């Protein structure tokens, strides 16, 4: 991302995927045509549904980064 210029940013709840917990996502569009997607994942729902008390270290959060290179221009 270093040296790139942000064109626009989208954020919100991503579309549902069967048997996958809901999560938020951020999509960053750059002026060179590249795109970065940043999604989240966690076990928060599983921990909250548990009948047993939990410790802070029982909670896990992951960030998934997806990078799309700009399309090459036809010469």
PDB file of N, CA and C in Angstrom:
ATOM      1  N   UNK A   1       0.799  -1.202   0.000  1.00  0.00           N
ATOM      2  CA  UNK A   1       0.000   0.000   0.000  1.00  0.00           C
ATOM      3  C   UNK A   1       0.841   1.266   0.000  1.00  0.00           C
ATOM      4  N   UNK A   2       2.086   1.114   0.396  1.00  0.00           N
ATOM      5  CA  UNK A   2       2.941   2.297   0.500  1.00  0.00           C
ATOM      6  C   UNK A   2       3.040   2.999  -0.855  1.00  0.00           C
ATOM      7  N   UNK A   3       2.808   4.293  -0.847  1.00  0.00           N
ATOM      8  CA  UNK A   3       2.924   5.093  -2.053  1.00  0.00           C
ATOM      9  C   UNK A   3       1.671   5.106  -2.916  1.00  0.00           C
ATOM     10  N   UNK A   4       0.660   4.341  -2.560  1.00  0.00           N
ATOM     11  CA  UNK A   4      -0.577   4.306  -3.349  1.00  0.00           C
ATOM     12  C   UNK A   4      -1.524   5.408  -2.884  1.00  0.00           C
ATOM     13  N   UNK A   5      -2.435   5.797  -3.766  1.00  0.00           N
ATOM     14  CA  UNK A   5      -3.440   6.792  -3.441  1.00  0.00           C
ATOM     15  C   UNK A   5      -4.798   6.113  -3.349  1.00  0.00           C
ATOM     16  N   UNK A   6      -5.493   6.324  -2.244  1.00  0.00           N
ATOM     17  CA  UNK A   6      -6.814   5.733  -2.039  1.00  0.00           C
ATOM     18  C   UNK A   6      -7.842   6.499  -2.855  1.00  0.00           C
ATOM     19  N   UNK A   7      -8.624   5.749  -3.626  1.00  0.00           N
ATOM     20  CA  UNK A   7      -9.701   6.356  -4.415  1.00  0.00           C
ATOM     21  C   UNK A   7     -10.999   6.377  -3.617  1.00  0.00           C
ATOM     22  N   UNK A   8     -11.357   5.235  -3.024  1.00  0.00           N
ATOM     23  CA  UNK A   8     -12.557   5.175  -2.192  1.00  0.00           C
ATOM     24  C   UNK A   8     -12.464   3.983  -1.251  1.00  0.00           C
ATOM     25  N   UNK A   9     -13.313   3.997  -0.213  1.00  0.00           N
ATOM     26  CA  UNK A   9     -13.346   2.933   0.787  1.00  0.00           C
ATOM     27  C   UNK A   9     -14.793   2.525   1.003  1.00  0.00           C
ATOM     28  N   UNK A  10     -15.042   1.219   1.017  1.00  0.00           N
ATOM     29  CA  UNK A  10     -16.356   0.690   1.357  1.00  0.00           C
ATOM     30  C   UNK A  10     -16.210  -0.114   2.639  1.00  0.00           C
ATOM     31  N   UNK A  11     -17.235  -0.114   3.480  1.00  0.00           N
ATOM     32  CA  UNK A  11     -17.171  -0.895   4.708  1.00  0.00           C
ATOM     33  C   UNK A  11     -18.586  -1.307   5.111  1.00  0.00           C
ATOM     34  N   UNK A  12     -18.663  -2.351   5.889  1.00  0.00           N
ATOM     35  CA  UNK A  12     -19.955  -2.803   6.394  1.00  0.00           C
ATOM     36  C   UNK A  12     -19.940  -4.298   6.652  1.00  0.00           C
ATOM     37  N   UNK A  13     -21.127  -4.846   6.820  1.00  0.00           N
ATOM     38  CA  UNK A  13     -21.289  -6.277   7.054  1.00  0.00           C
ATOM     39  C   UNK A  13     -21.199  -6.976   5.702  1.00  0.00           C
ATOM     40  N   UNK A  14     -20.355  -7.998   5.621  1.00  0.00           N
ATOM     41  CA  UNK A  14     -20.235  -8.702   4.349  1.00  0.00           C
ATOM     42  C   UNK A  14     -21.448  -9.610   4.132  1.00  0.00           C
ATOM     43  N   UNK A  15     -21.640 -10.024   2.893  1.00  0.00           N
ATOM     44  CA  UNK A  15     -22.750 -10.917   2.581  1.00  0.00           C
ATOM     45  C   UNK A  15     -22.578 -12.229   3.336  1.00  0.00           C
ATOM     46  N   UNK A  16     -23.697 -12.821   3.723  1.00  0.00           N
ATOM     47  CA  UNK A  16     -23.662 -14.067   4.477  1.00  0.00           C
ATOM     48  C   UNK A  16     -23.139 -15.241   3.658  1.00  0.00           C
ATOM     49  N   UNK A  17     -22.434 -16.123   4.332  1.00  0.00           N
ATOM     50  CA  UNK A  17     -21.935 -17.356   3.742  1.00  0.00           C
ATOM     51  C   UNK A  17     -22.447 -18.492   4.622  1.00  0.00           C
ATOM     52  N   UNK A  18     -23.093 -19.467   4.024  1.00  0.00           N
ATOM     53  CA  UNK A  18     -23.676 -20.569   4.783  1.00  0.00           C
ATOM     54  C   UNK A  18     -22.635 -21.223   5.684  1.00  0.00           C
ATOM     55  N   UNK A  19     -22.999 -21.426   6.940  1.00  0.00           N
ATOM     56  CA  UNK A  19     -22.189 -22.065   7.969  1.00  0.00           C
ATOM     57  C   UNK A  19     -20.907 -21.288   8.307  1.00  0.00           C
ATOM     58  N   UNK A  20     -20.900 -19.984   8.042  1.00  0.00           N
ATOM     59  CA  UNK A  20     -19.772 -19.121   8.420  1.00  0.00           C
ATOM     60  C   UNK A  20     -20.346 -17.954   9.213  1.00  0.00           C
ATOM     61  N   UNK A  21     -19.706 -17.608  10.305  1.00  0.00           N
ATOM     62  CA  UNK A  21     -20.169 -16.498  11.125  1.00  0.00           C
ATOM     63  C   UNK A  21     -20.171 -15.206  10.325  1.00  0.00           C
ATOM     64  N   UNK A  22     -21.092 -14.317  10.654  1.00  0.00           N
ATOM     65  CA  UNK A  22     -21.121 -13.003  10.036  1.00  0.00           C
ATOM     66  C   UNK A  22     -19.891 -12.207  10.435  1.00  0.00           C
ATOM     67  N   UNK A  23     -19.494 -11.265   9.599  1.00  0.00           N
ATOM     68  CA  UNK A  23     -18.345 -10.434   9.936  1.00  0.00           C
ATOM     69  C   UNK A  23     -18.400  -9.129   9.158  1.00  0.00           C
ATOM     70  N   UNK A  24     -17.533  -8.239   9.551  1.00  0.00           N
ATOM     71  CA  UNK A  24     -17.422  -6.951   8.881  1.00  0.00           C
ATOM     72  C   UNK A  24     -16.304  -7.028   7.841  1.00  0.00           C
ATOM     73  N   UNK A  25     -16.350  -6.105   6.901  1.00  0.00           N
ATOM     74  CA  UNK A  25     -15.313  -6.066   5.875  1.00  0.00           C
ATOM     75  C   UNK A  25     -15.039  -4.620   5.469  1.00  0.00           C
ATOM     76  N   UNK A  26     -13.826  -4.390   5.029  1.00  0.00           N
ATOM     77  CA  UNK A  26     -13.418  -3.097   4.476  1.00  0.00           C
ATOM     78  C   UNK A  26     -12.799  -3.374   3.114  1.00  0.00           C
ATOM     79  N   UNK A  27     -13.194  -2.613   2.118  1.00  0.00           N
ATOM     80  CA  UNK A  27     -12.610  -2.735   0.783  1.00  0.00           C
ATOM     81  C   UNK A  27     -12.032  -1.378   0.421  1.00  0.00           C
ATOM     82  N   UNK A  28     -10.735  -1.372   0.114  1.00  0.00           N
ATOM     83  CA  UNK A  28     -10.032  -0.132  -0.232  1.00  0.00           C
ATOM     84  C   UNK A  28      -9.677  -0.184  -1.718  1.00  0.00           C
ATOM     85  N   UNK A  29     -10.131   0.805  -2.474  1.00  0.00           N
ATOM     86  CA  UNK A  29      -9.843   0.909  -3.907  1.00  0.00           C
ATOM     87  C   UNK A  29      -8.757   1.965  -4.098  1.00  0.00           C
ATOM     88  N   UNK A  30      -7.758   1.637  -4.907  1.00  0.00           N
ATOM     89  CA  UNK A  30      -6.659   2.558  -5.167  1.00  0.00           C
ATOM     90  C   UNK A  30      -6.765   3.095  -6.592  1.00  0.00           C
ATOM     91  N   UNK A  31      -6.186   4.260  -6.823  1.00  0.00           N
ATOM     92  CA  UNK A  31      -6.292   4.912  -8.124  1.00  0.00           C
ATOM     93  C   UNK A  31      -5.582   4.146  -9.236  1.00  0.00           C
ATOM     94  N   UNK A  32      -4.668   3.224  -8.896  1.00  0.00           N
ATOM     95  CA  UNK A  32      -4.000   2.440  -9.933  1.00  0.00           C
ATOM     96  C   UNK A  32      -4.799   1.212 -10.337  1.00  0.00           C
ATOM     97  N   UNK A  33      -5.999   1.032  -9.739  1.00  0.00           N
ATOM     98  CA  UNK A  33      -6.856  -0.097 -10.072  1.00  0.00           C
ATOM     99  C   UNK A  33      -6.716  -1.279  -9.121  1.00  0.00           C
ATOM    100  N   UNK A  34      -5.757  -1.254  -8.224  1.00  0.00           N
ATOM    101  CA  UNK A  34      -5.624  -2.348  -7.263  1.00  0.00           C
ATOM    102  C   UNK A  34      -6.671  -2.196  -6.154  1.00  0.00           C
ATOM    103  N   UNK A  35      -6.965  -3.315  -5.508  1.00  0.00           N
ATOM    104  CA  UNK A  35      -7.996  -3.354  -4.464  1.00  0.00           C
ATOM    105  C   UNK A  35      -7.474  -4.177  -3.295  1.00  0.00           C
ATOM    106  N   UNK A  36      -7.741  -3.717  -2.082  1.00  0.00           N
ATOM    107  CA  UNK A  36      -7.408  -4.494  -0.899  1.00  0.00           C
ATOM    108  C   UNK A  36      -8.687  -4.739  -0.106  1.00  0.00           C
ATOM    109  N   UNK A  37      -8.944  -6.012   0.205  1.00  0.00           N
ATOM    110  CA  UNK A  37     -10.073  -6.369   1.053  1.00  0.00           C
ATOM    111  C   UNK A  37      -9.551  -6.795   2.411  1.00  0.00           C
ATOM    112  N   UNK A  38     -10.172  -6.306   3.462  1.00  0.00           N
ATOM    113  CA  UNK A  38      -9.786  -6.663   4.827  1.00  0.00           C
ATOM    114  C   UNK A  38     -11.033  -7.181   5.520  1.00  0.00           C
ATOM    115  N   UNK A  39     -11.016  -8.478   5.847  1.00  0.00           N
ATOM    116  CA  UNK A  39     -12.149  -9.099   6.524  1.00  0.00           C
ATOM    117  C   UNK A  39     -11.757  -9.513   7.930  1.00  0.00           C
ATOM    118  N   UNK A  40     -12.760  -9.746   8.754  1.00  0.00           N
ATOM    119  CA  UNK A  40     -12.513 -10.167  10.125  1.00  0.00           C
ATOM    120  C   UNK A  40     -13.128 -11.535  10.367  1.00  0.00           C
ATOM    121  N   UNK A  41     -12.576 -12.224  11.301  1.00  0.00           N
ATOM    122  CA  UNK A  41     -13.123 -13.494  11.741  1.00  0.00           C
ATOM    123  C   UNK A  41     -12.827 -13.647  13.220  1.00  0.00           C
ATOM    124  N   UNK A  42     -13.733 -14.273  13.941  1.00  0.00           N
ATOM    125  CA  UNK A  42     -13.486 -14.490  15.364  1.00  0.00           C
ATOM    126  C   UNK A  42     -14.311 -15.666  15.860  1.00  0.00           C
ATOM    127  N   UNK A  43     -14.000 -16.090  17.051  1.00  0.00           N
ATOM    128  CA  UNK A  43     -14.775 -17.137  17.699  1.00  0.00           C
ATOM    129  C   UNK A  43     -15.687 -16.546  18.771  1.00  0.00           C
ATOM    130  N   UNK A  44     -15.990 -15.266  18.696  1.00  0.00           N
ATOM    131  CA  UNK A  44     -16.767 -14.576  19.730  1.00  0.00           C
ATOM    132  C   UNK A  44     -18.135 -15.219  19.934  1.00  0.00           C
ATOM    133  N   UNK A  45     -18.812 -15.570  18.857  1.00  0.00           N
ATOM    134  CA  UNK A  45     -20.135 -16.178  18.995  1.00  0.00           C
ATOM    135  C   UNK A  45     -20.029 -17.518  19.711  1.00  0.00           C
ATOM    136  N   UNK A  46     -19.035 -18.324  19.331  1.00  0.00           N
ATOM    137  CA  UNK A  46     -18.847 -19.619  19.973  1.00  0.00           C
ATOM    138  C   UNK A  46     -18.591 -19.448  21.469  1.00  0.00           C
ATOM    139  N   UNK A  47     -17.745 -18.502  21.810  1.00  0.00           N
ATOM    140  CA  UNK A  47     -17.404 -18.263  23.209  1.00  0.00           C
ATOM    141  C   UNK A  47     -18.638 -17.778  23.970  1.00  0.00           C
ATOM    142  N   UNK A  48     -19.410 -16.868  23.366  1.00  0.00           N
ATOM    143  CA  UNK A  48     -20.598 -16.326  24.025  1.00  0.00           C
ATOM    144  C   UNK A  48     -21.666 -17.398  24.227  1.00  0.00           C
ATOM    145  N   UNK A  49     -21.759 -18.356  23.329  1.00  0.00           N
ATOM    146  CA  UNK A  49     -22.751 -19.426  23.421  1.00  0.00           C
ATOM    147  C   UNK A  49     -22.372 -20.503  24.427  1.00  0.00           C
ATOM    148  N   UNK A  50     -21.128 -20.524  24.834  1.00  0.00           N
ATOM    149  CA  UNK A  50     -20.643 -21.528  25.770  1.00  0.00           C
ATOM    150  C   UNK A  50     -21.297 -21.330  27.137  1.00  0.00           C
ATOM    151  N   UNK A  51     -21.590 -22.425  27.799  1.00  0.00           N
ATOM    152  CA  UNK A  51     -22.180 -22.372  29.137  1.00  0.00           C
ATOM    153  C   UNK A  51     -21.144 -22.043  30.208  1.00  0.00           C
ATOM    154  N   UNK A  52     -19.878 -22.154  29.870  1.00  0.00           N
ATOM    155  CA  UNK A  52     -18.821 -21.978  30.859  1.00  0.00           C
ATOM    156  C   UNK A  52     -18.260 -20.560  30.801  1.00  0.00           C
ATOM    157  N   UNK A  53     -17.803 -20.054  31.940  1.00  0.00           N
ATOM    158  CA  UNK A  53     -17.144 -18.744  31.920  1.00  0.00           C
ATOM    159  C   UNK A  53     -15.890 -18.801  31.044  1.00  0.00           C
ATOM    160  N   UNK A  54     -15.542 -17.686  30.447  1.00  0.00           N
ATOM    161  CA  UNK A  54     -14.345 -17.686  29.601  1.00  0.00           C
ATOM    162  C   UNK A  54     -13.387 -16.603  30.046  1.00  0.00           C
ATOM    163  N   UNK A  55     -12.147 -16.795  29.653  1.00  0.00           N
ATOM    164  CA  UNK A  55     -11.092 -15.828  29.939  1.00  0.00           C
ATOM    165  C   UNK A  55     -10.836 -15.022  28.673  1.00  0.00           C
ATOM    166  N   UNK A  56     -10.263 -13.865  28.828  1.00  0.00           N
ATOM    167  CA  UNK A  56      -9.981 -13.021  27.662  1.00  0.00           C
ATOM    168  C   UNK A  56      -9.153 -13.762  26.620  1.00  0.00           C
ATOM    169  N   UNK A  57      -8.221 -14.601  27.067  1.00  0.00           N
ATOM    170  CA  UNK A  57      -7.371 -15.320  26.108  1.00  0.00           C
ATOM    171  C   UNK A  57      -8.119 -16.408  25.339  1.00  0.00           C
ATOM    172  N   UNK A  58      -9.385 -16.697  25.708  1.00  0.00           N
ATOM    173  CA  UNK A  58     -10.207 -17.651  24.958  1.00  0.00           C
ATOM    174  C   UNK A  58     -10.749 -17.034  23.669  1.00  0.00           C
ATOM    175  N   UNK A  59     -10.765 -15.710  23.589  1.00  0.00           N
ATOM    176  CA  UNK A  59     -11.304 -14.998  22.433  1.00  0.00           C
ATOM    177  C   UNK A  59     -10.208 -14.791  21.393  1.00  0.00           C
ATOM    178  N   UNK A  60     -10.522 -15.113  20.135  1.00  0.00           N
ATOM    179  CA  UNK A  60      -9.554 -14.974  19.043  1.00  0.00           C
ATOM    180  C   UNK A  60     -10.170 -14.142  17.919  1.00  0.00           C
ATOM    181  N   UNK A  61      -9.371 -13.250  17.355  1.00  0.00           N
ATOM    182  CA  UNK A  61      -9.796 -12.434  16.219  1.00  0.00           C
ATOM    183  C   UNK A  61      -8.729 -12.537  15.140  1.00  0.00           C
ATOM    184  N   UNK A  62      -9.162 -12.736  13.911  1.00  0.00           N
ATOM    185  CA  UNK A  62      -8.253 -12.825  12.768  1.00  0.00           C
ATOM    186  C   UNK A  62      -8.610 -11.741  11.764  1.00  0.00           C
ATOM    187  N   UNK A  63      -7.600 -11.248  11.077  1.00  0.00           N
ATOM    188  CA  UNK A  63      -7.801 -10.332   9.960  1.00  0.00           C
ATOM    189  C   UNK A  63      -7.296 -11.023   8.704  1.00  0.00           C
ATOM    190  N   UNK A  64      -8.146 -11.090   7.699  1.00  0.00           N
ATOM    191  CA  UNK A  64      -7.775 -11.703   6.426  1.00  0.00           C
ATOM    192  C   UNK A  64      -7.622 -10.591   5.386  1.00  0.00           C
ATOM    193  N   UNK A  65      -6.456 -10.535   4.772  1.00  0.00           N
ATOM    194  CA  UNK A  65      -6.179  -9.505   3.767  1.00  0.00           C
ATOM    195  C   UNK A  65      -6.161 -10.169   2.389  1.00  0.00           C
ATOM    196  N   UNK A  66      -6.912  -9.589   1.470  1.00  0.00           N
ATOM    197  CA  UNK A  66      -6.944 -10.069   0.085  1.00  0.00           C
ATOM    198  C   UNK A  66      -6.510  -8.911  -0.801  1.00  0.00           C
ATOM    199  N   UNK A  67      -5.594  -9.191  -1.703  1.00  0.00           N
ATOM    200  CA  UNK A  67      -5.041  -8.156  -2.562  1.00  0.00           C
ATOM    201  C   UNK A  67      -5.326  -8.497  -4.011  1.00  0.00           C
ATOM    202  N   UNK A  68      -5.856  -7.540  -4.756  1.00  0.00           N
ATOM    203  CA  UNK A  68      -6.107  -7.712  -6.183  1.00  0.00           C
ATOM    204  C   UNK A  68      -5.227  -6.699  -6.922  1.00  0.00           C
ATOM    205  N   UNK A  69      -4.347  -7.214  -7.758  1.00  0.00           N
ATOM    206  CA  UNK A  69      -3.457  -6.346  -8.549  1.00  0.00           C
ATOM    207  C   UNK A  69      -4.280  -5.631  -9.623  1.00  0.00           C
ATOM    208  N   UNK A  70      -3.836  -4.478 -10.050  1.00  0.00           N
ATOM    209  CA  UNK A  70      -4.555  -3.785 -11.142  1.00  0.00           C
ATOM    210  C   UNK A  70      -4.456  -4.587 -12.424  1.00  0.00           C
ATOM    211  N   UNK A  71      -5.478  -4.479 -13.256  1.00  0.00           N
ATOM    212  CA  UNK A  71      -5.442  -5.133 -14.554  1.00  0.00           C
ATOM    213  C   UNK A  71      -4.376  -4.490 -15.429  1.00  0.00           C
ATOM    214  N   UNK A  72      -3.682  -5.301 -16.198  1.00  0.00           N
ATOM    215  CA  UNK A  72      -2.672  -4.756 -17.106  1.00  0.00           C
ATOM    216  C   UNK A  72      -3.378  -4.108 -18.285  1.00  0.00           C
ATOM    217  N   UNK A  73      -2.890  -2.960 -18.645  1.00  0.00           N
ATOM    218  CA  UNK A  73      -3.465  -2.246 -19.776  1.00  0.00           C
ATOM    219  C   UNK A  73      -2.961  -2.861 -21.078  1.00  0.00           C
ATOM    220  N   UNK A  74      -3.871  -2.993 -22.055  1.00  0.00           N
ATOM    221  CA  UNK A  74      -3.490  -3.530 -23.359  1.00  0.00           C
ATOM    222  C   UNK A  74      -2.616  -2.499 -24.081  1.00  0.00           C
ATOM    223  N   UNK A  75      -1.567  -3.007 -24.709  1.00  0.00           N
ATOM    224  CA  UNK A  75      -0.674  -2.074 -25.411  1.00  0.00           C
ATOM    225  C   UNK A  75      -1.006  -1.964 -26.869  1.00  0.00           C
TER     226      UNK A  75
END
